[in-house]
Amino acid sequence: MTALLAAISYVLAFLDFPVPLSLSFGEFLPFIKNKLDVVLFNALPFNILKGLVIGTIAMMIYKKLTPILKGETLK
């Protein structure tokens, strides 16, 4: 099922069709001209920020859960 959805999303990524009742990127953000600009100015910075936040939270949780995961008793 995952492979089927991945194949469908791959094919749909090449289609360019207007979404009804939405603004185009040129009207909404004037400095975005093509799909590469969307990735560079929108997706990339927020994915890096999301990765840093999730990584930091996971690191703090993992430090507290390490004794439990290794089978040691809590003090």
PDB file of N, CA and C in Angstrom:
ATOM      1  N   MET A   1       0.828  -1.188   0.000  1.00  0.00           N
ATOM      2  CA  MET A   1       0.000   0.000   0.000  1.00  0.00           C
ATOM      3  C   MET A   1       0.876   1.256   0.000  1.00  0.00           C
ATOM      4  N   THR A   2       1.945   1.208   0.781  1.00  0.00           N
ATOM      5  CA  THR A   2       2.856   2.351   0.828  1.00  0.00           C
ATOM      6  C   THR A   2       3.518   2.584  -0.523  1.00  0.00           C
ATOM      7  N   ALA A   3       3.916   1.514  -1.171  1.00  0.00           N
ATOM      8  CA  ALA A   3       4.548   1.640  -2.484  1.00  0.00           C
ATOM      9  C   ALA A   3       3.569   2.196  -3.513  1.00  0.00           C
ATOM     10  N   LEU A   4       2.323   1.787  -3.422  1.00  0.00           N
ATOM     11  CA  LEU A   4       1.311   2.298  -4.345  1.00  0.00           C
ATOM     12  C   LEU A   4       1.093   3.795  -4.140  1.00  0.00           C
ATOM     13  N   LEU A   5       0.977   4.222  -2.901  1.00  0.00           N
ATOM     14  CA  LEU A   5       0.797   5.652  -2.621  1.00  0.00           C
ATOM     15  C   LEU A   5       2.026   6.457  -3.020  1.00  0.00           C
ATOM     16  N   ALA A   6       3.216   5.888  -2.831  1.00  0.00           N
ATOM     17  CA  ALA A   6       4.441   6.578  -3.242  1.00  0.00           C
ATOM     18  C   ALA A   6       4.491   6.738  -4.753  1.00  0.00           C
ATOM     19  N   ALA A   7       4.079   5.713  -5.483  1.00  0.00           N
ATOM     20  CA  ALA A   7       4.070   5.790  -6.948  1.00  0.00           C
ATOM     21  C   ALA A   7       3.066   6.831  -7.436  1.00  0.00           C
ATOM     22  N   ILE A   8       1.904   6.871  -6.809  1.00  0.00           N
ATOM     23  CA  ILE A   8       0.898   7.864  -7.191  1.00  0.00           C
ATOM     24  C   ILE A   8       1.398   9.273  -6.902  1.00  0.00           C
ATOM     25  N   SER A   9       2.026   9.481  -5.753  1.00  0.00           N
ATOM     26  CA  SER A   9       2.528  10.822  -5.426  1.00  0.00           C
ATOM     27  C   SER A   9       3.656  11.232  -6.359  1.00  0.00           C
ATOM     28  N   TYR A  10       4.471  10.268  -6.797  1.00  0.00           N
ATOM     29  CA  TYR A  10       5.556  10.571  -7.742  1.00  0.00           C
ATOM     30  C   TYR A  10       4.990  11.055  -9.068  1.00  0.00           C
ATOM     31  N   VAL A  11       3.968  10.396  -9.546  1.00  0.00           N
ATOM     32  CA  VAL A  11       3.344  10.793 -10.819  1.00  0.00           C
ATOM     33  C   VAL A  11       2.646  12.139 -10.676  1.00  0.00           C
ATOM     34  N   LEU A  12       1.949  12.338  -9.570  1.00  0.00           N
ATOM     35  CA  LEU A  12       1.226  13.600  -9.368  1.00  0.00           C
ATOM     36  C   LEU A  12       2.172  14.790  -9.205  1.00  0.00           C
ATOM     37  N   ALA A  13       3.408  14.539  -8.779  1.00  0.00           N
ATOM     38  CA  ALA A  13       4.365  15.629  -8.607  1.00  0.00           C
ATOM     39  C   ALA A  13       4.711  16.294  -9.937  1.00  0.00           C
ATOM     40  N   PHE A  14       4.560  15.563 -11.039  1.00  0.00           N
ATOM     41  CA  PHE A  14       4.877  16.119 -12.347  1.00  0.00           C
ATOM     42  C   PHE A  14       3.708  16.847 -12.991  1.00  0.00           C
ATOM     43  N   LEU A  15       2.519  16.704 -12.444  1.00  0.00           N
ATOM     44  CA  LEU A  15       1.353  17.383 -12.995  1.00  0.00           C
ATOM     45  C   LEU A  15       1.261  18.788 -12.420  1.00  0.00           C
ATOM     46  N   ASP A  16       0.861  19.705 -13.250  1.00  0.00           N
ATOM     47  CA  ASP A  16       0.712  21.088 -12.815  1.00  0.00           C
ATOM     48  C   ASP A  16      -0.714  21.512 -13.115  1.00  0.00           C
ATOM     49  N   PHE A  17      -1.525  21.618 -12.068  1.00  0.00           N
ATOM     50  CA  PHE A  17      -2.917  21.995 -12.250  1.00  0.00           C
ATOM     51  C   PHE A  17      -3.304  23.021 -11.191  1.00  0.00           C
ATOM     52  N   PRO A  18      -4.171  23.947 -11.544  1.00  0.00           N
ATOM     53  CA  PRO A  18      -4.579  24.978 -10.573  1.00  0.00           C
ATOM     54  C   PRO A  18      -5.521  24.399  -9.513  1.00  0.00           C
ATOM     55  N   VAL A  19      -5.353  24.868  -8.308  1.00  0.00           N
ATOM     56  CA  VAL A  19      -6.250  24.487  -7.222  1.00  0.00           C
ATOM     57  C   VAL A  19      -7.332  25.551  -7.129  1.00  0.00           C
ATOM     58  N   PRO A  20      -8.594  25.160  -7.172  1.00  0.00           N
ATOM     59  CA  PRO A  20      -9.666  26.161  -7.141  1.00  0.00           C
ATOM     60  C   PRO A  20      -9.656  26.993  -5.861  1.00  0.00           C
ATOM     61  N   LEU A  21      -9.980  28.253  -6.004  1.00  0.00           N
ATOM     62  CA  LEU A  21     -10.106  29.200  -4.887  1.00  0.00           C
ATOM     63  C   LEU A  21      -8.819  29.380  -4.094  1.00  0.00           C
ATOM     64  N   SER A  22      -7.678  29.304  -4.750  1.00  0.00           N
ATOM     65  CA  SER A  22      -6.418  29.550  -4.064  1.00  0.00           C
ATOM     66  C   SER A  22      -5.586  30.535  -4.865  1.00  0.00           C
ATOM     67  N   LEU A  23      -4.709  31.249  -4.174  1.00  0.00           N
ATOM     68  CA  LEU A  23      -3.828  32.196  -4.832  1.00  0.00           C
ATOM     69  C   LEU A  23      -2.621  31.466  -5.398  1.00  0.00           C
ATOM     70  N   SER A  24      -2.091  31.975  -6.474  1.00  0.00           N
ATOM     71  CA  SER A  24      -0.850  31.397  -6.969  1.00  0.00           C
ATOM     72  C   SER A  24       0.303  31.958  -6.138  1.00  0.00           C
ATOM     73  N   PHE A  25       1.488  31.311  -6.210  1.00  0.00           N
ATOM     74  CA  PHE A  25       2.626  31.767  -5.423  1.00  0.00           C
ATOM     75  C   PHE A  25       3.093  33.155  -5.857  1.00  0.00           C
ATOM     76  N   GLY A  26       2.890  33.514  -7.148  1.00  0.00           N
ATOM     77  CA  GLY A  26       3.304  34.836  -7.594  1.00  0.00           C
ATOM     78  C   GLY A  26       2.528  35.938  -6.927  1.00  0.00           C
ATOM     79  N   GLU A  27       1.231  35.681  -6.651  1.00  0.00           N
ATOM     80  CA  GLU A  27       0.395  36.694  -5.997  1.00  0.00           C
ATOM     81  C   GLU A  27       0.624  36.706  -4.488  1.00  0.00           C
ATOM     82  N   PHE A  28       0.876  35.540  -3.921  1.00  0.00           N
ATOM     83  CA  PHE A  28       0.995  35.427  -2.480  1.00  0.00           C
ATOM     84  C   PHE A  28       2.379  35.843  -1.983  1.00  0.00           C
ATOM     85  N   LEU A  29       3.420  35.345  -2.621  1.00  0.00           N
ATOM     86  CA  LEU A  29       4.800  35.689  -2.288  1.00  0.00           C
ATOM     87  C   LEU A  29       5.517  36.097  -3.569  1.00  0.00           C
ATOM     88  N   PRO A  30       5.753  37.372  -3.774  1.00  0.00           N
ATOM     89  CA  PRO A  30       6.280  37.832  -5.063  1.00  0.00           C
ATOM     90  C   PRO A  30       7.679  37.338  -5.416  1.00  0.00           C
ATOM     91  N   PHE A  31       8.497  36.939  -4.433  1.00  0.00           N
ATOM     92  CA  PHE A  31       9.852  36.504  -4.753  1.00  0.00           C
ATOM     93  C   PHE A  31       9.907  35.037  -5.168  1.00  0.00           C
ATOM     94  N   ILE A  32       8.807  34.311  -5.088  1.00  0.00           N
ATOM     95  CA  ILE A  32       8.784  32.903  -5.496  1.00  0.00           C
ATOM     96  C   ILE A  32       8.313  32.823  -6.938  1.00  0.00           C
ATOM     97  N   LYS A  33       9.188  32.312  -7.807  1.00  0.00           N
ATOM     98  CA  LYS A  33       8.881  32.238  -9.236  1.00  0.00           C
ATOM     99  C   LYS A  33       8.662  30.820  -9.734  1.00  0.00           C
ATOM    100  N   ASN A  34       9.324  29.814  -9.114  1.00  0.00           N
ATOM    101  CA  ASN A  34       9.170  28.438  -9.583  1.00  0.00           C
ATOM    102  C   ASN A  34       9.188  27.476  -8.394  1.00  0.00           C
ATOM    103  N   LYS A  35       9.113  26.176  -8.693  1.00  0.00           N
ATOM    104  CA  LYS A  35       9.031  25.181  -7.619  1.00  0.00           C
ATOM    105  C   LYS A  35      10.314  25.093  -6.807  1.00  0.00           C
ATOM    106  N   LEU A  36      11.453  25.357  -7.420  1.00  0.00           N
ATOM    107  CA  LEU A  36      12.712  25.334  -6.674  1.00  0.00           C
ATOM    108  C   LEU A  36      12.722  26.429  -5.607  1.00  0.00           C
ATOM    109  N   ASP A  37      12.175  27.590  -5.926  1.00  0.00           N
ATOM    110  CA  ASP A  37      12.090  28.663  -4.929  1.00  0.00           C
ATOM    111  C   ASP A  37      11.203  28.264  -3.754  1.00  0.00           C
ATOM    112  N   VAL A  38      10.146  27.512  -4.031  1.00  0.00           N
ATOM    113  CA  VAL A  38       9.277  27.048  -2.945  1.00  0.00           C
ATOM    114  C   VAL A  38      10.073  26.163  -2.000  1.00  0.00           C
ATOM    115  N   VAL A  39      10.891  25.291  -2.558  1.00  0.00           N
ATOM    116  CA  VAL A  39      11.693  24.393  -1.722  1.00  0.00           C
ATOM    117  C   VAL A  39      12.737  25.181  -0.945  1.00  0.00           C
ATOM    118  N   LEU A  40      13.431  26.097  -1.612  1.00  0.00           N
ATOM    119  CA  LEU A  40      14.519  26.827  -0.962  1.00  0.00           C
ATOM    120  C   LEU A  40      14.040  27.807   0.099  1.00  0.00           C
ATOM    121  N   PHE A  41      12.911  28.475  -0.148  1.00  0.00           N
ATOM    122  CA  PHE A  41      12.454  29.518   0.774  1.00  0.00           C
ATOM    123  C   PHE A  41      11.403  29.045   1.764  1.00  0.00           C
ATOM    124  N   ASN A  42      10.794  27.887   1.526  1.00  0.00           N
ATOM    125  CA  ASN A  42       9.726  27.446   2.404  1.00  0.00           C
ATOM    126  C   ASN A  42      10.038  26.093   3.037  1.00  0.00           C
ATOM    127  N   ALA A  43      10.184  25.078   2.240  1.00  0.00           N
ATOM    128  CA  ALA A  43      10.314  23.717   2.769  1.00  0.00           C
ATOM    129  C   ALA A  43      11.639  23.498   3.490  1.00  0.00           C
ATOM    130  N   LEU A  44      12.737  23.885   2.895  1.00  0.00           N
ATOM    131  CA  LEU A  44      14.051  23.608   3.468  1.00  0.00           C
ATOM    132  C   LEU A  44      14.265  24.244   4.845  1.00  0.00           C
ATOM    133  N   PRO A  45      14.039  25.551   5.000  1.00  0.00           N
ATOM    134  CA  PRO A  45      14.277  26.142   6.337  1.00  0.00           C
ATOM    135  C   PRO A  45      13.382  25.552   7.427  1.00  0.00           C
ATOM    136  N   PHE A  46      12.117  25.303   7.099  1.00  0.00           N
ATOM    137  CA  PHE A  46      11.222  24.787   8.124  1.00  0.00           C
ATOM    138  C   PHE A  46      11.498  23.327   8.437  1.00  0.00           C
ATOM    139  N   ASN A  47      11.957  22.556   7.462  1.00  0.00           N
ATOM    140  CA  ASN A  47      12.343  21.174   7.745  1.00  0.00           C
ATOM    141  C   ASN A  47      13.589  21.114   8.620  1.00  0.00           C
ATOM    142  N   ILE A  48      14.528  22.010   8.399  1.00  0.00           N
ATOM    143  CA  ILE A  48      15.714  22.068   9.257  1.00  0.00           C
ATOM    144  C   ILE A  48      15.317  22.453  10.677  1.00  0.00           C
ATOM    145  N   LEU A  49      14.462  23.451  10.825  1.00  0.00           N
ATOM    146  CA  LEU A  49      13.988  23.872  12.145  1.00  0.00           C
ATOM    147  C   LEU A  49      13.221  22.743  12.830  1.00  0.00           C
ATOM    148  N   LYS A  50      12.347  22.072  12.097  1.00  0.00           N
ATOM    149  CA  LYS A  50      11.578  20.961  12.654  1.00  0.00           C
ATOM    150  C   LYS A  50      12.511  19.842  13.110  1.00  0.00           C
ATOM    151  N   GLY A  51      13.520  19.534  12.333  1.00  0.00           N
ATOM    152  CA  GLY A  51      14.469  18.492  12.704  1.00  0.00           C
ATOM    153  C   GLY A  51      15.233  18.835  13.968  1.00  0.00           C
ATOM    154  N   LEU A  52      15.638  20.087  14.098  1.00  0.00           N
ATOM    155  CA  LEU A  52      16.354  20.509  15.308  1.00  0.00           C
ATOM    156  C   LEU A  52      15.470  20.430  16.548  1.00  0.00           C
ATOM    157  N   VAL A  53      14.218  20.861  16.425  1.00  0.00           N
ATOM    158  CA  VAL A  53      13.302  20.837  17.574  1.00  0.00           C
ATOM    159  C   VAL A  53      12.994  19.402  17.979  1.00  0.00           C
ATOM    160  N   ILE A  54      12.644  18.557  17.009  1.00  0.00           N
ATOM    161  CA  ILE A  54      12.317  17.168  17.321  1.00  0.00           C
ATOM    162  C   ILE A  54      13.547  16.439  17.865  1.00  0.00           C
ATOM    163  N   GLY A  55      14.716  16.700  17.296  1.00  0.00           N
ATOM    164  CA  GLY A  55      15.943  16.073  17.787  1.00  0.00           C
ATOM    165  C   GLY A  55      16.265  16.462  19.211  1.00  0.00           C
ATOM    166  N   THR A  56      16.076  17.723  19.539  1.00  0.00           N
ATOM    167  CA  THR A  56      16.344  18.190  20.904  1.00  0.00           C
ATOM    168  C   THR A  56      15.384  17.555  21.904  1.00  0.00           C
ATOM    169  N   ILE A  57      14.109  17.514  21.554  1.00  0.00           N
ATOM    170  CA  ILE A  57      13.119  16.902  22.450  1.00  0.00           C
ATOM    171  C   ILE A  57      13.406  15.411  22.622  1.00  0.00           C
ATOM    172  N   ALA A  58      13.718  14.727  21.518  1.00  0.00           N
ATOM    173  CA  ALA A  58      14.017  13.294  21.593  1.00  0.00           C
ATOM    174  C   ALA A  58      15.256  13.044  22.440  1.00  0.00           C
ATOM    175  N   MET A  59      16.261  13.907  22.336  1.00  0.00           N
ATOM    176  CA  MET A  59      17.475  13.736  23.123  1.00  0.00           C
ATOM    177  C   MET A  59      17.178  13.884  24.620  1.00  0.00           C
ATOM    178  N   MET A  60      16.359  14.859  24.982  1.00  0.00           N
ATOM    179  CA  MET A  60      16.029  15.056  26.396  1.00  0.00           C
ATOM    180  C   MET A  60      15.219  13.885  26.943  1.00  0.00           C
ATOM    181  N   ILE A  61      14.282  13.367  26.138  1.00  0.00           N
ATOM    182  CA  ILE A  61      13.477  12.227  26.579  1.00  0.00           C
ATOM    183  C   ILE A  61      14.346  10.974  26.673  1.00  0.00           C
ATOM    184  N   TYR A  62      15.221  10.769  25.720  1.00  0.00           N
ATOM    185  CA  TYR A  62      16.056   9.568  25.700  1.00  0.00           C
ATOM    186  C   TYR A  62      16.991   9.515  26.896  1.00  0.00           C
ATOM    187  N   LYS A  63      17.525  10.652  27.302  1.00  0.00           N
ATOM    188  CA  LYS A  63      18.419  10.665  28.463  1.00  0.00           C
ATOM    189  C   LYS A  63      17.698  10.194  29.719  1.00  0.00           C
ATOM    190  N   LYS A  64      16.425  10.565  29.862  1.00  0.00           N
ATOM    191  CA  LYS A  64      15.671  10.154  31.041  1.00  0.00           C
ATOM    192  C   LYS A  64      15.222   8.694  30.945  1.00  0.00           C
ATOM    193  N   LEU A  65      15.032   8.182  29.722  1.00  0.00           N
ATOM    194  CA  LEU A  65      14.564   6.811  29.553  1.00  0.00           C
ATOM    195  C   LEU A  65      15.688   5.787  29.416  1.00  0.00           C
ATOM    196  N   THR A  66      16.932   6.213  29.315  1.00  0.00           N
ATOM    197  CA  THR A  66      18.050   5.298  29.117  1.00  0.00           C
ATOM    198  C   THR A  66      18.132   4.233  30.200  1.00  0.00           C
ATOM    199  N   PRO A  67      18.019   4.567  31.499  1.00  0.00           N
ATOM    200  CA  PRO A  67      18.081   3.507  32.515  1.00  0.00           C
ATOM    201  C   PRO A  67      16.976   2.459  32.353  1.00  0.00           C
ATOM    202  N   ILE A  68      15.789   2.897  31.994  1.00  0.00           N
ATOM    203  CA  ILE A  68      14.660   1.965  31.818  1.00  0.00           C
ATOM    204  C   ILE A  68      14.925   1.062  30.613  1.00  0.00           C
ATOM    205  N   LEU A  69      15.410   1.642  29.543  1.00  0.00           N
ATOM    206  CA  LEU A  69      15.668   0.869  28.326  1.00  0.00           C
ATOM    207  C   LEU A  69      16.791  -0.146  28.524  1.00  0.00           C
ATOM    208  N   LYS A  70      17.750   0.174  29.375  1.00  0.00           N
ATOM    209  CA  LYS A  70      18.862  -0.737  29.634  1.00  0.00           C
ATOM    210  C   LYS A  70      18.565  -1.721  30.759  1.00  0.00           C
ATOM    211  N   GLY A  71      17.387  -1.613  31.375  1.00  0.00           N
ATOM    212  CA  GLY A  71      16.982  -2.544  32.412  1.00  0.00           C
ATOM    213  C   GLY A  71      17.495  -2.207  33.795  1.00  0.00           C
ATOM    214  N   GLU A  72      18.013  -1.031  33.989  1.00  0.00           N
ATOM    215  CA  GLU A  72      18.496  -0.629  35.303  1.00  0.00           C
ATOM    216  C   GLU A  72      17.324  -0.094  36.138  1.00  0.00           C
ATOM    217  N   THR A  73      17.457  -0.149  37.444  1.00  0.00           N
ATOM    218  CA  THR A  73      16.420   0.382  38.315  1.00  0.00           C
ATOM    219  C   THR A  73      16.616   1.868  38.506  1.00  0.00           C
ATOM    220  N   LEU A  74      15.516   2.547  38.728  1.00  0.00           N
ATOM    221  CA  LEU A  74      15.579   4.001  38.974  1.00  0.00           C
ATOM    222  C   LEU A  74      16.006   4.258  40.406  1.00  0.00           C
ATOM    223  N   LYS A  75      16.745   5.333  40.610  1.00  0.00           N
ATOM    224  CA  LYS A  75      17.236   5.664  41.948  1.00  0.00           C
ATOM    225  C   LYS A  75      16.416   6.766  42.560  1.00  0.00           C
TER     226      LYS A  75
END
